Amino acid sequence: MKNRSSLLRRLAIAVSAIGFGQSAFVSLVPLVMERLRVDTFAIGAATAVGAAAFLVGSPLWGRMGERLGHARLLRLLGLAMLAGQAVFAILLIAGTGAALGIALLMLSRTVYGFAASGVMPTAQVWASRSVADDRRQAALGLLGAGVSMGRLAGALAATAAVLSPLLPPILFLFSPLLLWLARGKGEAGGRTDGRAADVGRGISPFDRRALPCLAMGLCLTLGFGQVQMMLGPMTQQRFGLGATQATTLTGLALMLVAVVMVLVQGLLMARLRLAERNSVVVGCLMVCVGMTALAVTASHVASAASLVVAAAGIALATPGYTAWLMKRLEPGEQGAAAGWLTSTHVLGQSIGALAGGFAFTLWPFAPLAGCAALALAAACLAAMVRETGR
């Protein structure tokens, strides 16, 4: 038991590299534009290329973990991420012309995105195989807490630009080395129940056993993606703030969301020990209530409380449907399914970002209403799905 707890903690620290990379890159956008002399369109294009690589890579890497071994694959992915980050860091340190800068930036984001896409599926399957079925949600929640901690650390690392503008890229460069902390027996078939896993095999995202859980993930990420993208403009419109004030308040709100998710997934999940279905239903209803309250309240304190409720709901539901997905599949299919789930999350966040901007132009609180409706739909779906799909 002690060895398993130690492994889960190391995995949580390792996957924090993903969260670190997400927030650090966003924070470094102004520096990227200045050093490479590129505009926001180029930044958006590079981000889109990285997201596309993520979508393609996740299902592929999920299967490779079963064949190469999860520990070995995480180390290889860390090296590939390091290579992508090295190109990015050299670009920022040396500076370059716009044309070459855009080309190398896209190359960096492609390599990094493709490699990073395999981290969570690999870690999720490894964590699931290392614990008993009734502890799977808590284990997966701890990984989610690790990613949120990485996001906080990435935002803090970006503030090191006050000391030197080159310090954040250097910190960003070495973050993939955290994946080397995931040591131990991570080979395929390392289940605690003694059953050997089949060599990783593919599974369709439309498989009736996987589709309901993937649909829940798509609903929540699509809904919350709208809110995250438009939180700044909504804050500015609601409270009549200037751009600088709204930016500061939005940053604080996103930090609050990350802290809440760390606390719920890192501490609360293990104590609640809810069934997978209950975690999803309760979590989705909390998101629905939080988004509805956020739409109707006019107080700073009430708005923060509403956001806390919604963030706690996301933190509760995500490990729930992830663990449920693992439970509904055979061992050899879990890696590919975890990859499809990661791709679904990226797809939901990407579509949500686009939909949120459009919805905001129709009605400032449309993203909140859309998120509440999608969360309610996910709760209804979870209530109707059979406990297992086998």
Protein backbone atom coordinates (compact mmCIF):
# COMPACT_ATOMS: atom_id res chain seq x y z
CA MET A 1 0.00 0.00 0.00
CA LYS A 2 2.84 2.37 0.87
CA ASN A 3 4.54 1.68 -2.47
CA ARG A 4 1.30 2.36 -4.33
CA SER A 5 0.77 5.67 -2.53
CA SER A 6 4.34 6.65 -3.33
CA LEU A 7 3.82 5.77 -6.99
CA LEU A 8 0.62 7.83 -7.19
CA ARG A 9 2.34 10.85 -5.64
CA ARG A 10 5.21 10.56 -8.14
CA LEU A 11 2.75 10.27 -11.00
CA ALA A 12 0.87 13.35 -9.79
CA ILE A 13 4.12 15.33 -9.70
CA ALA A 14 5.09 13.98 -13.13
CA VAL A 15 1.83 14.96 -14.85
CA SER A 16 2.09 18.45 -13.35
CA ALA A 17 4.46 19.07 -16.28
CA ILE A 18 1.38 19.16 -18.53
CA GLY A 19 -0.37 21.83 -16.46
CA PHE A 20 2.87 23.76 -16.13
CA GLY A 21 3.31 23.82 -19.88
CA GLN A 22 -0.28 24.96 -20.49
CA SER A 23 -0.25 27.99 -18.20
CA ALA A 24 3.38 28.91 -18.82
CA PHE A 25 2.90 29.08 -22.59
CA VAL A 26 -0.19 31.29 -22.24
CA SER A 27 1.67 33.56 -19.83
CA LEU A 28 4.64 33.84 -22.20
CA VAL A 29 2.56 34.97 -25.22
CA PRO A 30 3.53 38.68 -24.86
CA LEU A 31 7.22 37.71 -24.68
CA VAL A 32 6.86 35.40 -27.69
CA MET A 33 5.29 38.18 -29.75
CA GLU A 34 8.06 40.61 -28.82
CA ARG A 35 11.04 38.29 -29.29
CA LEU A 36 9.83 36.64 -32.50
CA ARG A 37 8.11 39.72 -33.93
CA VAL A 38 4.89 37.82 -34.65
CA ASP A 39 1.25 38.81 -34.28
CA THR A 40 -1.69 37.21 -32.48
CA PHE A 41 -2.70 35.30 -35.63
CA ALA A 42 0.64 33.48 -35.63
CA ILE A 43 0.24 32.66 -31.94
CA GLY A 44 -3.24 31.31 -32.61
CA ALA A 45 -2.00 29.24 -35.54
CA ALA A 46 0.81 27.73 -33.44
CA THR A 47 -1.66 26.92 -30.66
CA ALA A 48 -4.03 25.30 -33.16
CA VAL A 49 -1.20 23.16 -34.58
CA GLY A 50 -0.27 22.00 -31.09
CA ALA A 51 -3.90 21.16 -30.32
CA ALA A 52 -4.21 19.18 -33.56
CA ALA A 53 -1.09 17.19 -32.67
CA PHE A 54 -2.64 16.53 -29.27
CA LEU A 55 -5.85 15.22 -30.83
CA VAL A 56 -3.98 12.85 -33.13
CA GLY A 57 -1.44 11.67 -30.60
CA SER A 58 -3.56 10.77 -27.57
CA PRO A 59 -5.26 7.61 -28.92
CA LEU A 60 -1.96 6.39 -30.40
CA TRP A 61 0.08 6.86 -27.23
CA GLY A 62 -2.66 5.32 -25.10
CA ARG A 63 -2.10 2.01 -26.88
CA MET A 64 1.70 2.27 -26.83
CA GLY A 65 1.78 2.31 -23.04
CA GLU A 66 0.50 -1.25 -23.02
CA ARG A 67 3.27 -2.38 -25.36
CA LEU A 68 6.33 -0.44 -24.21
CA GLY A 69 5.48 -0.24 -20.53
CA HIS A 70 4.06 2.85 -18.86
CA ALA A 71 7.23 3.89 -17.01
CA ARG A 72 9.39 3.63 -20.11
CA LEU A 73 6.89 5.48 -22.28
CA LEU A 74 6.61 8.39 -19.84
CA ARG A 75 10.39 8.81 -19.88
CA LEU A 76 10.44 8.77 -23.70
CA LEU A 77 7.60 11.30 -23.85
CA GLY A 78 9.52 13.51 -21.43
CA LEU A 79 12.53 13.51 -23.74
CA ALA A 80 10.37 14.38 -26.76
CA MET A 81 8.68 17.21 -24.84
CA LEU A 82 12.12 18.44 -23.79
CA ALA A 83 13.19 18.55 -27.46
CA GLY A 84 10.14 20.63 -28.38
CA GLN A 85 10.70 22.96 -25.45
CA ALA A 86 14.39 23.31 -26.32
CA VAL A 87 13.47 24.71 -29.75
CA PHE A 88 11.00 27.08 -28.07
CA ALA A 89 13.52 28.26 -25.46
CA ILE A 90 16.27 28.82 -28.03
CA LEU A 91 13.83 30.88 -30.10
CA LEU A 92 13.01 33.14 -27.19
CA ILE A 93 16.59 33.49 -26.01
CA ALA A 94 18.14 34.10 -29.42
CA GLY A 95 15.24 35.86 -31.13
CA THR A 96 14.67 35.56 -34.87
CA GLY A 97 12.83 36.99 -37.84
CA ALA A 98 9.09 36.57 -38.17
CA ALA A 99 9.04 33.96 -40.95
CA LEU A 100 11.63 31.66 -39.39
CA GLY A 101 10.18 32.31 -35.95
CA ILE A 102 6.68 31.20 -37.00
CA ALA A 103 8.02 28.04 -38.67
CA LEU A 104 10.13 27.01 -35.68
CA LEU A 105 7.38 27.94 -33.22
CA MET A 106 4.94 25.67 -35.04
CA LEU A 107 7.53 22.90 -35.14
CA SER A 108 8.08 23.29 -31.40
CA ARG A 109 4.35 23.20 -30.59
CA THR A 110 3.80 20.20 -32.88
CA VAL A 111 6.55 18.12 -31.27
CA TYR A 112 5.57 19.20 -27.77
CA GLY A 113 1.83 18.69 -28.34
CA PHE A 114 2.25 15.26 -29.92
CA ALA A 115 4.47 14.05 -27.06
CA ALA A 116 2.45 15.70 -24.29
CA SER A 117 -0.74 14.08 -25.59
CA GLY A 118 0.44 10.71 -24.33
CA VAL A 119 1.23 11.70 -20.76
CA MET A 120 -2.23 11.68 -19.18
CA PRO A 121 -3.53 8.50 -20.90
CA THR A 122 -0.39 6.64 -19.88
CA ALA A 123 -0.46 7.93 -16.31
CA GLN A 124 -4.20 7.27 -15.96
CA VAL A 125 -3.94 3.64 -17.00
CA TRP A 126 -0.86 3.09 -14.83
CA ALA A 127 -2.60 4.62 -11.82
CA SER A 128 -5.77 2.59 -12.48
CA ARG A 129 -3.76 -0.64 -12.64
CA SER A 130 -1.97 0.17 -9.37
CA VAL A 131 -5.01 0.40 -7.09
CA ALA A 132 -8.12 -1.57 -6.23
CA ASP A 133 -11.29 -0.71 -8.12
CA ASP A 134 -12.83 1.19 -5.20
CA ARG A 135 -9.77 3.49 -5.01
CA ARG A 136 -9.58 4.23 -8.74
CA GLN A 137 -11.46 7.54 -8.57
CA ALA A 138 -9.22 8.84 -5.80
CA ALA A 139 -6.11 7.83 -7.76
CA LEU A 140 -7.32 9.54 -10.93
CA GLY A 141 -8.37 12.57 -8.88
CA LEU A 142 -4.83 12.85 -7.54
CA LEU A 143 -3.52 13.00 -11.11
CA GLY A 144 -6.00 15.79 -11.87
CA ALA A 145 -4.78 17.64 -8.79
CA GLY A 146 -1.23 17.28 -10.09
CA VAL A 147 -2.16 18.92 -13.39
CA SER A 148 -3.86 21.80 -11.54
CA MET A 149 -0.80 22.26 -9.34
CA GLY A 150 1.28 22.44 -12.50
CA ARG A 151 -0.97 25.20 -13.86
CA LEU A 152 -0.44 27.22 -10.69
CA ALA A 153 3.31 26.64 -10.81
CA GLY A 154 3.44 27.65 -14.48
CA ALA A 155 1.67 30.92 -13.77
CA LEU A 156 4.05 31.64 -10.89
CA ALA A 157 7.08 30.77 -13.03
CA ALA A 158 5.94 33.32 -15.58
CA THR A 159 6.23 36.04 -12.92
CA ALA A 160 9.99 35.35 -12.85
CA ALA A 161 10.14 37.56 -15.94
CA VAL A 162 10.34 40.45 -13.47
CA LEU A 163 13.85 39.24 -12.60
CA SER A 164 14.82 38.33 -16.16
CA PRO A 165 12.72 37.88 -19.31
CA LEU A 166 14.76 34.77 -20.13
CA LEU A 167 14.14 33.02 -16.81
CA PRO A 168 10.57 31.75 -17.58
CA PRO A 169 11.64 30.05 -20.86
CA ILE A 170 14.46 28.30 -19.01
CA LEU A 171 12.09 27.05 -16.29
CA PHE A 172 9.64 26.05 -19.02
CA LEU A 173 12.43 24.12 -20.78
CA PHE A 174 13.16 21.80 -17.87
CA SER A 175 9.57 21.08 -16.77
CA PRO A 176 9.30 17.85 -18.88
CA LEU A 177 12.05 16.32 -16.72
CA LEU A 178 9.38 15.90 -14.04
CA LEU A 179 8.20 12.87 -16.02
CA TRP A 180 11.36 11.05 -15.01
CA LEU A 181 10.07 11.04 -11.43
CA ALA A 182 7.57 8.35 -12.45
CA ARG A 183 9.79 5.42 -11.59
CA GLY A 184 8.72 1.90 -10.73
CA LYS A 185 7.11 -1.09 -12.34
CA GLY A 186 5.02 0.37 -15.11
CA GLU A 187 4.97 -2.45 -17.57
CA ALA A 188 1.84 -3.73 -19.27
CA GLY A 189 0.08 -6.34 -17.24
CA GLY A 190 1.13 -4.93 -13.89
CA ARG A 191 -2.36 -5.19 -12.37
CA THR A 192 -2.86 -5.68 -8.68
CA ASP A 193 -5.54 -8.32 -9.21
CA GLY A 194 -3.17 -10.72 -10.93
CA ARG A 195 -4.82 -10.62 -14.33
CA ALA A 196 -2.49 -10.01 -17.24
CA ALA A 197 -3.58 -7.23 -19.50
CA ASP A 198 -3.76 -7.96 -23.18
CA VAL A 199 -1.35 -6.15 -25.43
CA GLY A 200 -2.90 -2.76 -26.07
CA ARG A 201 -5.55 -2.88 -28.73
CA GLY A 202 -7.59 -0.16 -30.31
CA ILE A 203 -11.16 0.76 -29.54
CA SER A 204 -13.57 2.95 -31.43
CA PRO A 205 -14.70 6.14 -29.68
CA PHE A 206 -18.21 5.13 -30.78
CA ASP A 207 -18.04 1.82 -28.91
CA ARG A 208 -21.24 1.62 -26.83
CA ARG A 209 -19.21 0.97 -23.67
CA ALA A 210 -16.99 4.03 -24.09
CA LEU A 211 -19.28 6.50 -25.85
CA PRO A 212 -21.39 7.55 -22.83
CA CYS A 213 -18.32 8.48 -20.74
CA LEU A 214 -16.71 10.28 -23.68
CA ALA A 215 -19.97 12.19 -24.19
CA MET A 216 -19.96 13.27 -20.53
CA GLY A 217 -16.41 14.53 -20.88
CA LEU A 218 -17.25 16.40 -24.09
CA CYS A 219 -20.26 18.11 -22.48
CA LEU A 220 -18.32 19.33 -19.46
CA THR A 221 -15.20 20.50 -21.28
CA LEU A 222 -17.23 22.16 -24.03
CA GLY A 223 -19.33 23.98 -21.46
CA PHE A 224 -16.55 25.03 -19.12
CA GLY A 225 -14.33 25.92 -22.09
CA GLN A 226 -16.85 28.59 -23.07
CA VAL A 227 -16.77 30.09 -19.59
CA GLN A 228 -12.97 30.06 -19.27
CA MET A 229 -12.52 31.84 -22.60
CA MET A 230 -15.16 34.51 -21.91
CA LEU A 231 -14.63 34.94 -18.17
CA GLY A 232 -12.63 38.13 -18.71
CA PRO A 233 -15.16 39.86 -20.98
CA MET A 234 -18.03 38.72 -18.75
CA THR A 235 -16.27 40.10 -15.68
CA GLN A 236 -15.60 43.39 -17.44
CA GLN A 237 -19.21 43.70 -18.60
CA ARG A 238 -20.77 42.64 -15.28
CA PHE A 239 -18.78 44.90 -12.97
CA GLY A 240 -17.97 47.76 -15.36
CA LEU A 241 -14.19 47.31 -15.08
CA GLY A 242 -11.35 48.51 -17.26
CA ALA A 243 -9.27 46.07 -19.28
CA THR A 244 -6.40 45.95 -16.76
CA GLN A 245 -8.72 45.45 -13.79
CA ALA A 246 -10.69 42.76 -15.60
CA THR A 247 -7.48 40.95 -16.56
CA THR A 248 -6.27 40.96 -12.97
CA LEU A 249 -9.62 39.77 -11.62
CA THR A 250 -9.83 37.03 -14.26
CA GLY A 251 -6.35 35.80 -13.35
CA LEU A 252 -7.33 35.64 -9.69
CA ALA A 253 -10.53 33.78 -10.58
CA LEU A 254 -8.65 31.17 -12.61
CA MET A 255 -6.17 30.71 -9.76
CA LEU A 256 -9.12 30.20 -7.41
CA VAL A 257 -10.52 27.55 -9.75
CA ALA A 258 -7.17 25.74 -9.83
CA VAL A 259 -6.84 25.79 -6.02
CA VAL A 260 -10.38 24.43 -5.56
CA MET A 261 -9.72 21.62 -8.03
CA VAL A 262 -6.48 20.70 -6.25
CA LEU A 263 -8.25 20.53 -2.89
CA VAL A 264 -11.21 18.51 -4.17
CA GLN A 265 -9.22 16.05 -6.27
CA GLY A 266 -6.19 15.81 -4.02
CA LEU A 267 -7.91 15.63 -0.62
CA LEU A 268 -11.68 15.26 -0.82
CA MET A 269 -12.08 12.50 -3.43
CA ALA A 270 -10.33 9.89 -1.27
CA ARG A 271 -12.60 10.67 1.67
CA LEU A 272 -15.92 10.80 -0.16
CA ARG A 273 -15.54 7.42 -1.88
CA LEU A 274 -18.63 7.93 -4.04
CA ALA A 275 -19.62 5.49 -6.75
CA GLU A 276 -18.61 6.62 -10.24
CA ARG A 277 -22.17 7.42 -11.29
CA ASN A 278 -22.82 9.45 -8.13
CA SER A 279 -19.62 11.45 -8.58
CA VAL A 280 -20.62 12.39 -12.11
CA VAL A 281 -24.24 13.24 -11.31
CA VAL A 282 -23.42 15.27 -8.19
CA GLY A 283 -20.50 17.02 -9.89
CA CYS A 284 -22.51 17.95 -12.99
CA LEU A 285 -25.39 19.28 -10.89
CA MET A 286 -22.91 21.41 -8.93
CA VAL A 287 -21.62 22.85 -12.22
CA CYS A 288 -25.20 23.59 -13.29
CA VAL A 289 -26.01 25.32 -9.98
CA GLY A 290 -22.73 27.25 -9.96
CA MET A 291 -23.12 28.54 -13.52
CA THR A 292 -26.76 29.51 -12.92
CA ALA A 293 -25.85 31.38 -9.74
CA LEU A 294 -22.96 33.10 -11.52
CA ALA A 295 -25.36 34.35 -14.19
CA VAL A 296 -27.82 35.93 -11.76
CA THR A 297 -25.57 37.27 -8.99
CA ALA A 298 -24.22 40.82 -8.96
CA SER A 299 -21.84 40.50 -6.01
CA HIS A 300 -18.11 39.84 -6.14
CA VAL A 301 -18.31 37.45 -3.17
CA ALA A 302 -21.35 35.60 -4.50
CA SER A 303 -19.71 35.32 -7.94
CA ALA A 304 -16.56 33.85 -6.39
CA ALA A 305 -18.65 31.38 -4.37
CA SER A 306 -20.56 30.35 -7.51
CA LEU A 307 -17.31 29.78 -9.37
CA VAL A 308 -16.01 27.68 -6.46
CA VAL A 309 -19.11 25.46 -6.60
CA ALA A 310 -18.76 24.97 -10.35
CA ALA A 311 -15.02 24.25 -10.11
CA ALA A 312 -15.62 21.71 -7.34
CA GLY A 313 -18.24 20.06 -9.55
CA ILE A 314 -15.81 19.74 -12.45
CA ALA A 315 -13.18 18.35 -10.10
CA LEU A 316 -15.63 15.78 -8.76
CA ALA A 317 -17.14 14.69 -12.08
CA THR A 318 -13.94 14.31 -14.13
CA PRO A 319 -12.33 11.46 -12.12
CA GLY A 320 -15.81 9.93 -11.87
CA TYR A 321 -16.42 9.44 -15.58
CA THR A 322 -12.74 8.63 -16.18
CA ALA A 323 -12.84 5.80 -13.62
CA TRP A 324 -16.21 4.71 -15.00
CA LEU A 325 -14.72 4.48 -18.49
CA MET A 326 -11.92 2.23 -17.21
CA LYS A 327 -14.43 0.06 -15.37
CA ARG A 328 -16.58 -0.51 -18.46
CA LEU A 329 -13.70 -1.79 -20.63
CA GLU A 330 -11.37 -4.76 -20.75
CA PRO A 331 -7.80 -4.17 -19.48
CA GLY A 332 -6.20 -4.21 -22.93
CA GLU A 333 -8.62 -1.54 -24.17
CA GLN A 334 -8.14 0.95 -21.36
CA GLY A 335 -5.05 2.65 -22.77
CA ALA A 336 -6.69 3.47 -26.11
CA ALA A 337 -9.86 4.61 -24.34
CA ALA A 338 -7.88 6.93 -22.05
CA GLY A 339 -6.30 8.38 -25.18
CA TRP A 340 -9.69 8.99 -26.76
CA LEU A 341 -10.84 10.69 -23.55
CA THR A 342 -7.87 13.04 -23.62
CA SER A 343 -8.64 13.87 -27.26
CA THR A 344 -12.26 14.46 -26.31
CA HIS A 345 -11.20 16.92 -23.59
CA VAL A 346 -9.00 18.85 -26.02
CA LEU A 347 -11.76 18.87 -28.63
CA GLY A 348 -14.31 20.10 -26.10
CA GLN A 349 -12.06 22.87 -24.85
CA SER A 350 -11.23 23.98 -28.41
CA ILE A 351 -14.84 24.02 -29.58
CA GLY A 352 -15.85 25.65 -26.31
CA ALA A 353 -13.36 28.47 -26.84
CA LEU A 354 -14.79 29.15 -30.31
CA ALA A 355 -18.42 28.75 -29.25
CA GLY A 356 -17.93 30.94 -26.20
CA GLY A 357 -16.78 33.90 -28.28
CA PHE A 358 -19.75 33.57 -30.62
CA ALA A 359 -22.25 33.03 -27.80
CA PHE A 360 -20.98 36.09 -25.93
CA THR A 361 -21.78 38.30 -28.93
CA LEU A 362 -25.38 37.06 -28.84
CA TRP A 363 -25.84 37.51 -25.09
CA PRO A 364 -23.14 38.20 -22.48
CA PHE A 365 -24.32 35.38 -20.23
CA ALA A 366 -24.92 32.82 -22.98
CA PRO A 367 -21.66 30.95 -22.16
CA LEU A 368 -22.86 30.49 -18.58
CA ALA A 369 -26.27 29.28 -19.73
CA GLY A 370 -24.68 26.94 -22.26
CA CYS A 371 -22.34 25.46 -19.63
CA ALA A 372 -25.25 24.91 -17.22
CA ALA A 373 -27.33 23.20 -19.92
CA LEU A 374 -24.47 20.92 -21.01
CA ALA A 375 -23.71 19.97 -17.39
CA LEU A 376 -27.38 19.11 -16.84
CA ALA A 377 -27.34 16.99 -20.00
CA ALA A 378 -24.24 15.13 -18.75
CA ALA A 379 -25.94 14.50 -15.39
CA CYS A 380 -29.02 13.08 -17.12
CA LEU A 381 -26.85 10.87 -19.33
CA ALA A 382 -24.95 9.55 -16.30
CA ALA A 383 -28.22 8.76 -14.53
CA MET A 384 -29.48 6.72 -17.49
CA VAL A 385 -26.34 4.74 -18.40
CA ARG A 386 -25.91 1.18 -17.14
CA GLU A 387 -23.32 0.70 -14.41
CA THR A 388 -21.09 -1.43 -16.65
CA GLY A 389 -20.98 -1.88 -20.40
CA ARG A 390 -19.51 -5.37 -20.58
